[in-house]
Structure formats: structure tokens, C-alpha cells
N, C-alpha and C. Protein backbone atom coordinates (compact mmCIF):
# COMPACT_ATOMS: atom_id res chain seq x y z
N MET A 1 0.86 14.71 -14.05
CA MET A 1 2.18 15.24 -14.55
C MET A 1 2.80 14.01 -15.38
N ARG A 2 3.69 14.44 -16.28
CA ARG A 2 4.12 13.70 -17.51
C ARG A 2 5.49 13.43 -17.01
N HIS A 3 5.92 12.23 -17.36
CA HIS A 3 7.69 12.04 -17.06
C HIS A 3 8.33 11.75 -18.57
N GLY A 4 7.86 11.42 -19.38
CA GLY A 4 8.24 11.20 -20.98
C GLY A 4 8.59 9.73 -20.88
N VAL A 5 7.75 8.38 -20.63
CA VAL A 5 7.47 7.56 -20.83
C VAL A 5 6.97 7.13 -21.70
N GLY A 6 6.11 7.96 -22.74
CA GLY A 6 5.41 7.35 -23.78
C GLY A 6 4.30 6.38 -23.42
N ASP A 7 4.39 5.43 -24.39
CA ASP A 7 3.08 4.54 -24.43
C ASP A 7 3.42 3.59 -23.11
N GLY A 8 4.67 3.40 -22.09
CA GLY A 8 4.50 2.47 -21.16
C GLY A 8 3.58 3.26 -20.18
N ARG A 9 3.29 4.59 -20.33
CA ARG A 9 2.94 5.30 -19.09
C ARG A 9 1.04 5.13 -19.69
N ARG A 10 0.69 5.20 -20.70
CA ARG A 10 -0.38 5.22 -21.43
C ARG A 10 -1.05 4.38 -20.71
N GLY A 11 -0.53 2.93 -21.07
CA GLY A 11 -1.12 1.71 -21.00
C GLY A 11 -1.84 1.65 -19.57
N LEU A 12 -0.94 2.39 -18.22
CA LEU A 12 -1.20 2.10 -17.09
C LEU A 12 -2.38 3.36 -16.87
N THR A 13 -2.32 4.53 -17.56
CA THR A 13 -3.16 5.31 -17.59
C THR A 13 -4.33 5.09 -17.91
N LEU A 14 -4.91 4.21 -18.94
CA LEU A 14 -5.60 3.84 -19.51
C LEU A 14 -6.55 2.85 -18.40
N ALA A 15 -5.43 2.35 -17.77
CA ALA A 15 -6.21 0.82 -16.66
C ALA A 15 -6.99 1.58 -15.75
N VAL A 16 -6.78 3.03 -15.45
CA VAL A 16 -7.24 3.74 -13.87
C VAL A 16 -8.53 3.96 -14.37
N LEU A 17 -9.44 3.80 -15.30
CA LEU A 17 -10.68 4.22 -15.47
C LEU A 17 -11.58 3.60 -14.06
N LEU A 18 -12.11 4.67 -13.76
CA LEU A 18 -13.13 4.52 -12.84
C LEU A 18 -14.31 3.84 -13.66
N THR A 19 -14.81 2.60 -12.85
CA THR A 19 -16.02 2.15 -13.70
C THR A 19 -17.23 2.23 -12.96
N ALA A 20 -17.12 2.61 -11.73
CA ALA A 20 -18.39 3.04 -10.75
C ALA A 20 -18.10 3.95 -10.14
N LEU A 21 -18.88 5.11 -9.44
CA LEU A 21 -18.77 6.13 -8.10
C LEU A 21 -19.67 5.68 -7.26
N VAL A 22 -19.31 4.83 -6.24
CA VAL A 22 -20.43 4.19 -5.02
C VAL A 22 -21.02 5.88 -4.25
N GLY A 23 -20.39 6.79 -4.42
CA GLY A 23 -20.61 8.07 -3.55
C GLY A 23 -20.01 8.36 -2.29
N GLY A 24 -19.05 7.40 -1.94
CA GLY A 24 -17.90 7.43 -0.84
C GLY A 24 -18.49 7.94 0.39
N CYS A 25 -19.98 7.78 0.54
CA CYS A 25 -20.21 8.33 2.06
C CYS A 25 -20.08 7.78 3.48
N SER A 26 -19.68 8.30 4.41
CA SER A 26 -19.32 7.60 5.55
C SER A 26 -20.18 7.63 6.50
N THR A 27 -20.29 6.71 7.38
CA THR A 27 -21.13 6.49 8.62
C THR A 27 -20.87 7.18 9.76
N GLY A 28 -21.29 7.17 10.99
CA GLY A 28 -20.77 7.89 12.18
C GLY A 28 -19.55 6.88 12.48
N ASP A 29 -19.12 5.72 11.85
CA ASP A 29 -17.91 5.14 12.91
C ASP A 29 -16.72 5.54 11.64
N GLY A 30 -16.72 6.09 11.02
CA GLY A 30 -15.90 6.64 10.02
C GLY A 30 -15.72 5.44 8.51
N GLU A 31 -16.88 4.73 8.87
CA GLU A 31 -16.77 3.86 7.46
C GLU A 31 -17.11 4.39 6.14
N SER A 32 -16.65 3.76 5.31
CA SER A 32 -17.05 4.73 3.87
C SER A 32 -17.01 3.55 2.64
N ASP A 33 -17.83 3.80 2.00
CA ASP A 33 -18.12 3.10 0.66
C ASP A 33 -17.07 3.49 -0.58
N PRO A 34 -15.85 2.47 -1.09
CA PRO A 34 -15.24 3.41 -2.08
C PRO A 34 -15.59 3.16 -3.26
N ALA A 35 -15.01 3.93 -4.25
CA ALA A 35 -15.37 4.11 -5.77
C ALA A 35 -14.42 2.49 -6.21
N GLU A 36 -15.36 1.86 -7.03
CA GLU A 36 -14.79 0.76 -7.93
C GLU A 36 -13.82 1.15 -9.05
N VAL A 37 -12.57 0.55 -8.69
CA VAL A 37 -11.58 0.86 -9.60
C VAL A 37 -11.15 -0.19 -10.45
N GLU A 38 -10.68 -0.08 -11.80
CA GLU A 38 -10.46 -1.32 -12.63
C GLU A 38 -9.41 -1.85 -11.98
N VAL A 39 -9.17 -3.49 -12.31
CA VAL A 39 -8.10 -3.95 -11.66
C VAL A 39 -6.66 -4.29 -12.85
N ALA A 40 -5.21 -3.55 -12.25
CA ALA A 40 -4.43 -3.87 -13.60
C ALA A 40 -4.15 -5.03 -13.73
N ARG A 41 -3.39 -5.18 -15.04
CA ARG A 41 -3.12 -6.64 -15.47
C ARG A 41 -2.02 -7.25 -14.74
N ARG A 42 -2.06 -8.55 -14.46
CA ARG A 42 -1.28 -9.24 -13.49
C ARG A 42 0.50 -9.09 -13.96
N GLY A 43 1.34 -9.29 -13.21
CA GLY A 43 2.76 -9.56 -13.57
C GLY A 43 2.99 -10.61 -12.33
N ALA A 44 4.30 -10.27 -11.77
CA ALA A 44 4.49 -11.32 -10.67
C ALA A 44 3.77 -11.41 -9.52
N ARG A 45 4.12 -12.48 -8.95
CA ARG A 45 3.38 -12.86 -7.60
C ARG A 45 4.51 -12.76 -6.58
N VAL A 46 4.28 -11.65 -5.38
CA VAL A 46 5.24 -12.15 -4.17
C VAL A 46 4.62 -12.74 -3.13
N GLY A 47 5.34 -12.67 -2.11
CA GLY A 47 4.70 -13.58 -0.76
C GLY A 47 5.60 -15.13 -0.62
N PRO A 48 5.23 -15.51 -1.79
CA PRO A 48 6.22 -17.33 -1.65
C PRO A 48 6.98 -17.34 -1.32
N ALA A 49 7.78 -18.56 -0.62
CA ALA A 49 9.08 -18.56 -0.76
C ALA A 49 9.66 -18.79 -2.05
N GLY A 50 10.58 -17.97 -2.26
CA GLY A 50 11.18 -17.90 -3.69
C GLY A 50 10.95 -16.81 -4.45
N SER A 51 10.33 -15.86 -3.86
CA SER A 51 9.52 -14.73 -4.81
C SER A 51 10.46 -13.73 -4.21
N ALA A 52 10.19 -12.64 -5.08
CA ALA A 52 11.33 -11.67 -4.62
C ALA A 52 10.71 -11.10 -2.91
N CYS A 53 9.94 -10.89 -2.84
CA CYS A 53 9.47 -10.77 -1.27
C CYS A 53 8.94 -12.01 -0.50
N GLU A 54 9.42 -12.66 0.25
CA GLU A 54 8.63 -13.68 1.26
C GLU A 54 7.97 -13.02 2.25
N LEU A 55 6.66 -13.30 2.42
CA LEU A 55 5.89 -12.36 3.11
C LEU A 55 4.71 -13.48 3.96
N PRO A 56 3.84 -12.89 4.94
CA PRO A 56 2.77 -13.67 5.48
C PRO A 56 1.89 -13.61 4.57
N VAL A 57 1.85 -13.19 3.51
CA VAL A 57 0.80 -13.16 2.45
C VAL A 57 1.65 -13.08 1.21
N THR A 58 0.43 -13.50 0.26
CA THR A 58 0.72 -13.36 -0.98
C THR A 58 -0.20 -12.75 -2.10
N PHE A 59 0.17 -11.91 -3.10
CA PHE A 59 -0.66 -11.49 -3.95
C PHE A 59 0.20 -10.88 -5.09
N ASP A 60 -0.49 -10.63 -6.46
CA ASP A 60 0.20 -10.33 -7.42
C ASP A 60 0.20 -9.03 -7.67
N VAL A 61 1.12 -9.14 -8.35
CA VAL A 61 1.77 -7.57 -8.35
C VAL A 61 1.48 -7.07 -9.87
N ALA A 62 0.93 -5.82 -10.22
CA ALA A 62 0.82 -5.12 -11.57
C ALA A 62 1.87 -5.49 -12.34
N GLU A 63 1.69 -5.59 -13.96
CA GLU A 63 2.51 -5.94 -14.72
C GLU A 63 3.68 -4.48 -14.96
N SER A 64 4.92 -5.27 -15.08
CA SER A 64 6.07 -4.27 -15.30
C SER A 64 6.58 -3.56 -13.83
N TRP A 65 5.59 -3.58 -12.77
CA TRP A 65 6.06 -3.16 -11.16
C TRP A 65 7.21 -4.01 -11.12
N LYS A 66 7.99 -3.46 -10.04
CA LYS A 66 9.15 -4.23 -9.90
C LYS A 66 9.41 -4.51 -8.39
N PRO A 67 9.15 -5.72 -7.55
CA PRO A 67 9.20 -5.71 -6.39
C PRO A 67 10.59 -6.41 -5.75
N LYS A 68 11.04 -5.37 -4.81
CA LYS A 68 12.24 -5.76 -4.23
C LYS A 68 11.95 -5.85 -2.58
N ALA A 69 12.62 -6.95 -1.75
CA ALA A 69 12.68 -6.98 -0.74
C ALA A 69 13.43 -5.78 0.06
N VAL A 70 13.04 -5.80 1.59
CA VAL A 70 13.44 -4.46 2.26
C VAL A 70 14.03 -5.34 3.68
N ASP A 71 15.16 -5.13 3.80
CA ASP A 71 15.82 -5.87 5.07
C ASP A 71 16.04 -4.74 5.98
N ALA A 72 15.01 -4.26 6.57
CA ALA A 72 14.89 -3.02 7.31
C ALA A 72 15.86 -3.30 8.98
N GLU A 73 16.10 -4.18 9.21
CA GLU A 73 17.15 -4.36 10.24
C GLU A 73 18.66 -4.20 9.88
N ALA A 74 18.89 -4.79 8.78
CA ALA A 74 20.22 -4.20 8.38
C ALA A 74 20.57 -2.92 7.62
N GLY A 75 19.31 -2.42 7.32
CA GLY A 75 19.22 -0.77 6.96
C GLY A 75 19.31 0.20 8.22
N LEU A 76 18.96 -0.36 9.51
CA LEU A 76 18.95 0.50 10.22
C LEU A 76 20.24 0.56 10.87
N ALA A 77 21.04 -1.00 10.78
CA ALA A 77 22.16 -1.09 11.28
C ALA A 77 23.11 -0.22 10.86
N GLY A 78 23.05 -0.08 9.61
CA GLY A 78 24.21 0.45 8.53
C GLY A 78 24.03 1.91 7.91
N VAL A 79 23.57 2.45 9.02
CA VAL A 79 23.18 3.83 8.92
C VAL A 79 23.88 4.54 10.31
N SER A 80 24.60 6.12 9.48
CA SER A 80 25.37 6.25 11.00
C SER A 80 24.13 7.10 12.06
N GLU A 81 24.43 7.49 13.13
CA GLU A 81 24.36 7.84 14.23
C GLU A 81 23.04 9.29 13.73
N ASP A 82 23.79 9.73 13.14
CA ASP A 82 22.99 11.23 13.21
C ASP A 82 21.98 11.00 12.08
N LEU A 83 21.77 9.61 11.20
CA LEU A 83 21.01 9.37 10.31
C LEU A 83 19.61 8.45 10.78
N ALA A 84 20.29 8.00 11.87
CA ALA A 84 19.62 6.96 12.68
C ALA A 84 18.00 7.04 12.57
N ASP A 85 17.66 8.47 13.02
CA ASP A 85 16.16 8.71 13.27
C ASP A 85 15.33 8.72 12.05
N LEU A 86 15.99 9.36 11.20
CA LEU A 86 15.26 9.36 9.94
C LEU A 86 15.19 7.84 9.31
N ALA A 87 16.49 7.22 9.46
CA ALA A 87 16.08 6.02 8.85
C ALA A 87 14.55 5.14 9.51
N GLU A 88 14.83 5.24 10.95
CA GLU A 88 13.86 4.54 11.60
C GLU A 88 12.35 5.05 11.25
N ALA A 89 12.11 6.15 11.22
CA ALA A 89 11.08 6.94 10.47
C ALA A 89 10.74 6.19 9.10
N PHE A 90 11.46 6.39 8.42
CA PHE A 90 11.47 5.57 6.83
C PHE A 90 10.92 4.00 6.88
N LEU A 91 11.62 3.46 7.93
CA LEU A 91 11.77 1.79 7.88
C LEU A 91 10.47 1.36 8.72
N ARG A 92 10.14 2.15 9.91
CA ARG A 92 9.04 1.81 10.75
C ARG A 92 8.02 2.51 10.94
N GLN A 93 6.58 2.29 10.73
CA GLN A 93 5.28 3.09 10.95
C GLN A 93 4.54 2.43 11.45
N GLY A 94 4.42 3.16 12.82
CA GLY A 94 3.39 2.13 14.09
C GLY A 94 4.10 1.10 14.40
N PRO A 95 2.99 0.09 14.37
CA PRO A 95 3.22 -0.94 14.69
C PRO A 95 3.84 -2.12 13.68
N VAL A 96 4.13 -1.61 12.64
CA VAL A 96 4.82 -2.16 11.61
C VAL A 96 6.00 -1.93 10.87
N THR A 97 6.95 -2.80 10.30
CA THR A 97 8.29 -2.45 9.68
C THR A 97 7.97 -2.73 8.02
N MET A 98 8.72 -2.18 7.42
CA MET A 98 8.94 -2.37 6.05
C MET A 98 9.68 -3.41 5.38
N ALA A 99 9.02 -4.66 4.74
CA ALA A 99 9.57 -5.68 4.35
C ALA A 99 9.63 -5.82 2.85
N CYS A 100 9.06 -4.90 1.67
CA CYS A 100 8.63 -5.31 0.56
C CYS A 100 8.73 -3.71 0.13
N GLU A 101 9.04 -3.47 -1.40
CA GLU A 101 8.88 -2.20 -1.89
C GLU A 101 8.49 -2.42 -3.18
N ILE A 102 7.46 -2.12 -4.09
CA ILE A 102 7.06 -2.76 -5.31
C ILE A 102 7.02 -1.23 -5.97
N ASP A 103 7.92 -1.16 -7.32
CA ASP A 103 8.27 0.30 -7.57
C ASP A 103 7.57 0.01 -9.07
N ALA A 104 6.64 1.49 -9.25
CA ALA A 104 5.83 1.62 -10.53
C ALA A 104 6.60 2.63 -11.37
N LYS A 105 7.70 2.65 -11.22
CA LYS A 105 8.47 3.50 -12.48
C LYS A 105 8.83 2.56 -13.64
N PRO A 106 9.22 1.06 -13.71
CA PRO A 106 9.26 0.18 -14.68
C PRO A 106 7.56 0.32 -15.63
N ALA A 107 6.40 0.67 -14.98
CA ALA A 107 5.08 0.73 -15.76
C ALA A 107 4.90 2.19 -15.53
N GLY A 108 5.80 3.29 -15.69
CA GLY A 108 5.30 4.51 -15.94
C GLY A 108 4.92 5.62 -15.25
N ASN A 109 4.89 5.22 -13.69
CA ASN A 109 4.78 6.13 -12.90
C ASN A 109 5.60 6.31 -11.47
N ILE A 110 5.48 7.42 -10.96
CA ILE A 110 6.38 7.38 -9.84
C ILE A 110 5.66 7.05 -8.29
N GLY A 111 6.22 6.29 -7.78
CA GLY A 111 5.79 5.58 -6.54
C GLY A 111 5.66 4.58 -6.47
N PHE A 112 5.16 3.95 -5.44
CA PHE A 112 5.69 2.39 -4.60
C PHE A 112 4.27 1.78 -3.77
N LEU A 113 4.05 0.61 -4.13
CA LEU A 113 3.14 -0.05 -3.57
C LEU A 113 4.20 -0.92 -2.31
N ARG A 114 4.23 -0.43 -0.71
CA ARG A 114 4.85 -0.78 0.42
C ARG A 114 3.96 -1.66 1.03
N VAL A 115 5.03 -3.14 1.38
CA VAL A 115 4.21 -4.07 2.49
C VAL A 115 4.98 -3.77 3.54
N TRP A 116 4.28 -4.05 4.71
CA TRP A 116 4.80 -3.80 6.37
C TRP A 116 3.97 -4.92 6.83
N THR A 117 5.21 -5.20 7.70
CA THR A 117 4.83 -6.56 8.60
C THR A 117 5.31 -5.83 10.10
N GLY A 118 4.68 -6.93 10.91
CA GLY A 118 4.99 -6.28 12.47
C GLY A 118 5.00 -7.97 13.36
N GLU A 119 4.80 -8.35 14.70
CA GLU A 119 5.11 -9.01 15.34
C GLU A 119 3.57 -9.74 15.52
N PRO A 120 3.35 -11.05 15.74
CA PRO A 120 2.26 -11.45 16.57
C PRO A 120 1.62 -10.80 17.64
N GLY A 121 0.63 -10.52 17.60
CA GLY A 121 -0.24 -9.49 19.02
C GLY A 121 -1.58 -9.96 18.97
N ASN A 122 -2.32 -9.21 19.76
CA ASN A 122 -3.80 -9.19 19.99
C ASN A 122 -4.43 -8.11 19.34
N ALA A 123 -3.54 -7.47 18.74
CA ALA A 123 -4.19 -6.08 18.05
C ALA A 123 -4.87 -6.95 16.88
N GLY A 124 -6.56 -6.47 16.46
CA GLY A 124 -7.14 -6.48 14.80
C GLY A 124 -6.23 -5.59 14.17
N ALA A 125 -7.12 -6.25 12.79
CA ALA A 125 -6.50 -5.24 11.34
C ALA A 125 -7.00 -3.71 11.89
N ARG A 126 -8.24 -3.37 12.25
CA ARG A 126 -8.74 -1.82 12.24
C ARG A 126 -7.44 -1.21 13.31
N ALA A 127 -7.18 -1.99 14.61
CA ALA A 127 -5.90 -1.26 15.39
C ALA A 127 -5.09 -0.87 14.51
N VAL A 128 -4.35 -2.04 14.09
CA VAL A 128 -2.94 -1.91 13.71
C VAL A 128 -3.14 -0.91 12.69
N LEU A 129 -3.94 -0.56 11.73
CA LEU A 129 -3.87 0.16 10.75
C LEU A 129 -4.33 1.70 11.24
N GLU A 130 -4.71 1.65 12.23
CA GLU A 130 -5.20 3.07 12.85
C GLU A 130 -3.87 3.74 13.37
N ASP A 131 -3.01 2.53 14.24
CA ASP A 131 -1.75 3.03 14.51
C ASP A 131 -0.50 3.44 13.23
N PHE A 132 -1.00 2.89 12.17
CA PHE A 132 0.11 3.05 11.28
C PHE A 132 -0.27 4.71 10.71
N VAL A 133 -1.59 4.85 10.43
CA VAL A 133 -1.95 6.12 9.81
C VAL A 133 -1.50 7.30 10.98
N ALA A 134 -1.81 7.23 12.41
CA ALA A 134 -1.60 7.96 13.40
C ALA A 134 0.16 8.41 13.21
N ALA A 135 0.67 7.61 12.59
CA ALA A 135 2.22 7.56 12.95
C ALA A 135 3.04 8.15 11.73
N GLU A 136 1.94 8.71 10.64
CA GLU A 136 2.12 9.22 9.34
C GLU A 136 2.12 10.63 9.54
N GLN A 137 2.99 11.46 9.37
CA GLN A 137 2.71 13.61 9.95
C GLN A 137 1.79 13.85 8.32
N GLY A 138 0.71 14.50 9.36
CA GLY A 138 0.31 15.12 8.43
C GLY A 138 -1.28 14.42 7.94
N ALA A 139 -1.25 13.03 8.32
CA ALA A 139 -2.69 12.69 8.32
C ALA A 139 -3.86 12.90 8.33
N ALA A 140 -5.16 12.75 7.63
CA ALA A 140 -6.03 13.61 8.06
C ALA A 140 -7.21 12.90 7.31
N ARG A 141 -8.66 13.04 7.74
CA ARG A 141 -9.87 12.80 6.68
C ARG A 141 -9.90 10.98 6.51
N GLU A 142 -9.46 10.87 7.78
CA GLU A 142 -9.73 8.89 7.48
C GLU A 142 -10.81 8.58 7.20
N LYS A 143 -11.04 7.62 6.32
CA LYS A 143 -12.30 7.17 6.18
C LYS A 143 -12.05 5.19 6.08
N TYR A 144 -12.46 4.78 6.91
CA TYR A 144 -12.30 3.09 6.93
C TYR A 144 -13.74 2.30 6.37
N ARG A 145 -13.12 1.13 6.12
CA ARG A 145 -14.28 0.40 5.72
C ARG A 145 -13.60 -1.10 6.09
N THR A 146 -14.59 -2.17 5.92
CA THR A 146 -13.69 -3.70 6.20
C THR A 146 -14.47 -4.31 4.95
N PHE A 147 -13.35 -5.45 4.56
CA PHE A 147 -13.58 -6.10 3.29
C PHE A 147 -13.41 -7.50 3.66
N GLU A 148 -13.82 -8.23 2.79
CA GLU A 148 -13.38 -9.64 2.62
C GLU A 148 -12.27 -9.99 1.52
N THR A 149 -10.91 -10.63 1.71
CA THR A 149 -10.29 -10.94 0.57
C THR A 149 -9.39 -12.34 0.99
N GLY A 150 -9.29 -13.01 0.33
CA GLY A 150 -8.59 -14.65 0.21
C GLY A 150 -8.59 -15.03 1.36
N GLY A 151 -10.43 -15.26 2.34
CA GLY A 151 -10.56 -15.81 3.31
C GLY A 151 -10.13 -14.94 4.69
N LEU A 152 -9.56 -13.79 4.58
CA LEU A 152 -9.14 -13.13 5.23
C LEU A 152 -10.33 -11.26 5.53
N THR A 153 -10.54 -11.03 6.72
CA THR A 153 -11.09 -9.84 7.19
C THR A 153 -10.36 -8.71 7.00
N ALA A 154 -10.07 -7.98 6.09
CA ALA A 154 -9.17 -6.61 6.07
C ALA A 154 -10.00 -5.49 6.50
N THR A 155 -9.07 -4.42 7.04
CA THR A 155 -9.44 -2.97 6.94
C THR A 155 -8.72 -2.38 6.21
N GLU A 156 -9.53 -1.29 5.76
CA GLU A 156 -8.78 -0.71 4.66
C GLU A 156 -8.83 1.12 5.08
N VAL A 157 -8.22 1.73 4.54
CA VAL A 157 -8.43 3.19 5.14
C VAL A 157 -7.91 4.07 3.83
N GLU A 158 -8.47 5.23 3.67
CA GLU A 158 -8.58 6.03 2.61
C GLU A 158 -8.32 7.14 3.20
N TYR A 159 -6.91 8.10 3.20
CA TYR A 159 -6.78 9.54 3.97
C TYR A 159 -5.99 10.44 2.79
N THR A 160 -5.95 11.47 3.60
CA THR A 160 -5.19 12.74 2.83
C THR A 160 -3.78 12.90 3.78
N VAL A 161 -2.68 13.14 2.79
CA VAL A 161 -1.27 13.89 3.25
C VAL A 161 -1.05 15.07 2.43
N PRO A 162 -0.20 16.10 3.01
CA PRO A 162 0.28 17.01 2.47
C PRO A 162 1.02 16.58 0.92
N GLY A 163 1.26 17.07 -0.02
CA GLY A 163 1.71 16.63 -0.86
C GLY A 163 2.49 18.04 -1.58
N SER A 164 3.15 18.27 -2.90
CA SER A 164 3.58 19.19 -3.41
C SER A 164 2.36 20.09 -3.79
N GLY A 165 2.22 21.02 -2.88
CA GLY A 165 1.23 22.26 -2.91
C GLY A 165 0.10 22.21 -2.93
N ALA A 166 -0.55 20.75 -2.69
CA ALA A 166 -1.89 20.29 -2.65
C ALA A 166 -1.83 19.15 -1.46
N LEU A 167 -3.07 18.82 -1.05
CA LEU A 167 -3.36 17.13 -0.68
C LEU A 167 -3.26 16.26 -1.28
N ARG A 168 -2.76 15.10 -1.19
CA ARG A 168 -2.82 14.19 -1.81
C ARG A 168 -3.43 12.78 -1.18
N THR A 169 -3.86 11.88 -1.77
CA THR A 169 -4.66 10.68 -1.29
C THR A 169 -3.86 9.65 -0.85
N SER A 170 -4.03 9.31 -0.10
CA SER A 170 -2.99 7.45 0.25
C SER A 170 -4.09 6.53 0.71
N HIS A 171 -3.80 5.65 0.28
CA HIS A 171 -4.49 4.36 0.43
C HIS A 171 -3.89 3.18 1.23
N ALA A 172 -4.58 2.42 2.25
CA ALA A 172 -3.38 1.22 2.91
C ALA A 172 -4.62 0.36 3.16
N PHE A 173 -4.28 -0.99 3.54
CA PHE A 173 -5.30 -1.83 4.01
C PHE A 173 -4.57 -2.99 4.80
N ALA A 174 -5.11 -3.48 6.11
CA ALA A 174 -4.41 -4.14 7.04
C ALA A 174 -5.29 -6.00 7.41
N VAL A 175 -4.31 -6.82 7.50
CA VAL A 175 -4.97 -7.76 7.54
C VAL A 175 -4.28 -8.35 8.67
N VAL A 176 -4.40 -9.44 9.16
CA VAL A 176 -3.75 -9.81 10.82
C VAL A 176 -3.91 -11.36 9.90
N THR A 177 -2.26 -11.95 10.50
CA THR A 177 -2.26 -13.49 9.87
C THR A 177 -1.48 -14.11 11.27
N PRO A 178 -1.38 -15.54 10.93
CA PRO A 178 -0.81 -16.12 11.88
C PRO A 178 0.98 -15.82 12.63
N ASP A 179 1.49 -15.14 11.47
CA ASP A 179 2.76 -14.76 11.33
C ASP A 179 2.39 -13.46 11.85
N GLY A 180 1.72 -12.15 11.80
CA GLY A 180 1.75 -10.92 12.32
C GLY A 180 0.81 -10.35 11.64
N PRO A 181 0.49 -9.23 11.68
CA PRO A 181 -0.23 -8.27 10.85
C PRO A 181 0.52 -7.61 9.81
N VAL A 182 -0.38 -7.61 8.60
CA VAL A 182 0.48 -6.89 7.41
C VAL A 182 -0.28 -5.82 6.88
N VAL A 183 0.52 -4.87 6.63
CA VAL A 183 -0.24 -3.27 6.13
C VAL A 183 0.25 -3.36 4.52
N LEU A 184 -0.30 -3.09 3.29
CA LEU A 184 -0.19 -2.73 2.27
C LEU A 184 -0.67 -1.25 2.09
N HIS A 185 0.39 -0.39 1.42
CA HIS A 185 0.50 1.17 1.15
C HIS A 185 0.72 1.40 0.23
N LEU A 186 -0.38 2.06 -0.54
CA LEU A 186 -0.12 3.09 -1.79
C LEU A 186 0.16 4.58 -1.70
N GLY A 187 0.72 5.01 -1.76
CA GLY A 187 1.00 6.69 -1.98
C GLY A 187 1.33 7.60 -3.31
N GLY A 188 2.16 7.84 -3.74
CA GLY A 188 2.50 8.64 -4.63
C GLY A 188 3.15 10.08 -4.67
N LEU A 189 3.99 10.33 -6.00
CA LEU A 189 4.26 11.41 -5.69
C LEU A 189 3.29 12.71 -5.78
N ASP A 190 1.96 12.61 -6.70
CA ASP A 190 1.16 13.86 -6.36
C ASP A 190 -0.02 13.08 -6.45
N GLU A 191 -1.21 13.64 -6.42
CA GLU A 191 -2.81 13.13 -6.65
C GLU A 191 -2.81 12.11 -7.89
N GLU A 192 -2.45 12.76 -8.98
CA GLU A 192 -2.58 12.30 -10.20
C GLU A 192 -1.97 10.93 -10.52
N GLU A 193 -0.60 10.89 -9.48
CA GLU A 193 0.46 9.42 -9.63
C GLU A 193 -0.68 8.62 -8.94
N HIS A 194 -1.14 9.14 -8.04
CA HIS A 194 -1.99 8.08 -6.95
C HIS A 194 -3.19 7.17 -7.45
N GLN A 195 -3.86 8.39 -8.14
CA GLN A 195 -4.92 7.65 -9.13
C GLN A 195 -4.51 6.80 -10.32
N GLU A 196 -3.54 7.03 -10.71
CA GLU A 196 -3.31 6.09 -12.18
C GLU A 196 -2.47 4.67 -11.43
N MET A 197 -2.07 4.62 -10.23
CA MET A 197 -1.69 3.48 -9.78
C MET A 197 -2.60 2.67 -8.78
N LEU A 198 -4.12 3.23 -8.56
CA LEU A 198 -4.99 2.46 -7.95
C LEU A 198 -4.94 1.13 -8.31
N PRO A 199 -5.23 0.94 -10.02
CA PRO A 199 -5.46 -0.31 -10.04
C PRO A 199 -4.18 -1.50 -9.75
N ALA A 200 -3.13 -1.32 -9.59
CA ALA A 200 -2.20 -2.31 -9.16
C ALA A 200 -2.80 -2.45 -7.43
N TYR A 201 -2.90 -1.13 -6.88
CA TYR A 201 -3.33 -1.96 -5.57
C TYR A 201 -4.81 -2.64 -5.31
N GLU A 202 -5.43 -1.94 -6.24
CA GLU A 202 -6.81 -2.95 -6.52
C GLU A 202 -6.36 -4.31 -6.57
N LEU A 203 -5.25 -4.71 -7.28
CA LEU A 203 -4.93 -6.09 -8.14
C LEU A 203 -4.46 -6.84 -6.55
N ALA A 204 -3.91 -5.76 -5.74
CA ALA A 204 -2.97 -6.66 -4.59
C ALA A 204 -4.16 -7.08 -3.84
N LYS A 205 -5.00 -6.27 -3.83
CA LYS A 205 -6.33 -6.41 -2.70
C LYS A 205 -7.44 -7.45 -3.16
N THR A 206 -7.21 -7.76 -4.52
CA THR A 206 -8.29 -8.83 -4.79
C THR A 206 -7.48 -10.29 -4.90
N THR A 207 -6.21 -9.92 -4.67
CA THR A 207 -5.38 -11.13 -5.01
C THR A 207 -4.55 -11.78 -3.80
N LEU A 208 -4.84 -10.88 -2.73
CA LEU A 208 -4.22 -11.44 -1.69
C LEU A 208 -4.64 -12.22 -0.80
N ARG A 209 -3.72 -13.81 -0.37
CA ARG A 209 -4.12 -14.91 0.35
C ARG A 209 -2.88 -15.13 1.54
N SER A 210 -3.46 -15.67 2.36
CA SER A 210 -2.24 -16.18 3.48
C SER A 210 -1.39 -17.07 3.33
N THR A 211 -0.32 -17.16 3.38
CA THR A 211 0.62 -17.96 3.35
C THR A 211 1.02 -19.12 4.54
N ALA A 212 -0.31 -18.83 5.41
CA ALA A 212 -0.19 -19.78 6.44
C ALA A 212 -0.74 -21.37 6.02
């Protein structure tokens, strides 16, 4: 779909070229091989002290995307009682709480790359991610895989959720750090928006490092 953003939109649209389809076949335990997606051009970096979002991990944000820290505790404390459940559902998902929201609108898309963090514990990345997906209403067709990034072992999932008249794809991955688990999630307004934002998600995956 189009939003009247002209050439700013076109730059990211061109960046989403699929360079190779690996087949997407899944094994018996739900593991799948992903399609390779071109990586977006780098913009700001988030995670380190003094950045827009201070996190247990650092990664590069796509050019023109705008990161913003989310203070979930303040958000929950500041809502009325009748909106508390809605705020809780928005700011917490499974074992993690929203900590950073990276807005794609300045780059010409409607959607966010969101970062969720949790308390240290014994759960591995796969268990954290499974709980995260289970907490999302309508999530289905999950395909999991593991990969290495920045010295960390990550688990990634691709799944579908109900969209505007059709199913749309979501991607997320989780890592476990000494400061607790971290989940990065990419949604989108619809399937087209999601596919156009995948290079920004891929950039975060390939540049992720622990701040510990």
C-alpha cells in the first residue's frame, strides 16, 4: 500500500530485494531455513549508554528509523484503572516488557521494530521466544531456527497473525544475556509493509552484540 511518501519510501522498497530463496522447509521440530534478505543501510546505534535506548544488547538501526526508549513502568502507573489491562497487554508480552520502540515512519513505512527485555533467569532463548509468541493473540504457523550473532546464540521465529483482511507475517528473535533475555520483534501494518521493513530487522540481527 502507498502512503504518499515519495522517494523516501522508494529507497527502502528497493532495499527489500530478496537475494536468495533457500526454500523455507521445516524439520520435524519446527526449525526452518529463512529466505536471505538484503540488509538495510545503517543509521543510529542503540543499546550503549547515552544512546536513545540503553539495553542489554547493542545493534544498528536502519537509516532514518527513529528509536525511542519506552518506560513501561511509568506507562502502567500513569493509566486509569479501566485502561490498565489494555496497557498491560501492550507493554508486556509473555516474559518480557517493552523497552524500546524504533519507528519506521521517517523511512516511509508504517511499523515498528520493538525491543523487549526481561529479568535474568534460567530460561533459554527458545523458551523465552515460545512464551512471547504464545502471548500474542492469533499467532500461528510458527517456524523456529537458531543462529549465531555477535557471539550470542539466538532463536528466531517467523509466524503469522491476523491482519487487515488477511494473515500477515511477523518475525522475532531472542537472545539471553547476563542482564536477562532480549526479544526483537518486527510486525507491520500489513504483509507488504512487513516485507519492506525486513532489511531493517536483518540489520539488527547481523549487528547485535551484548553490552555486558
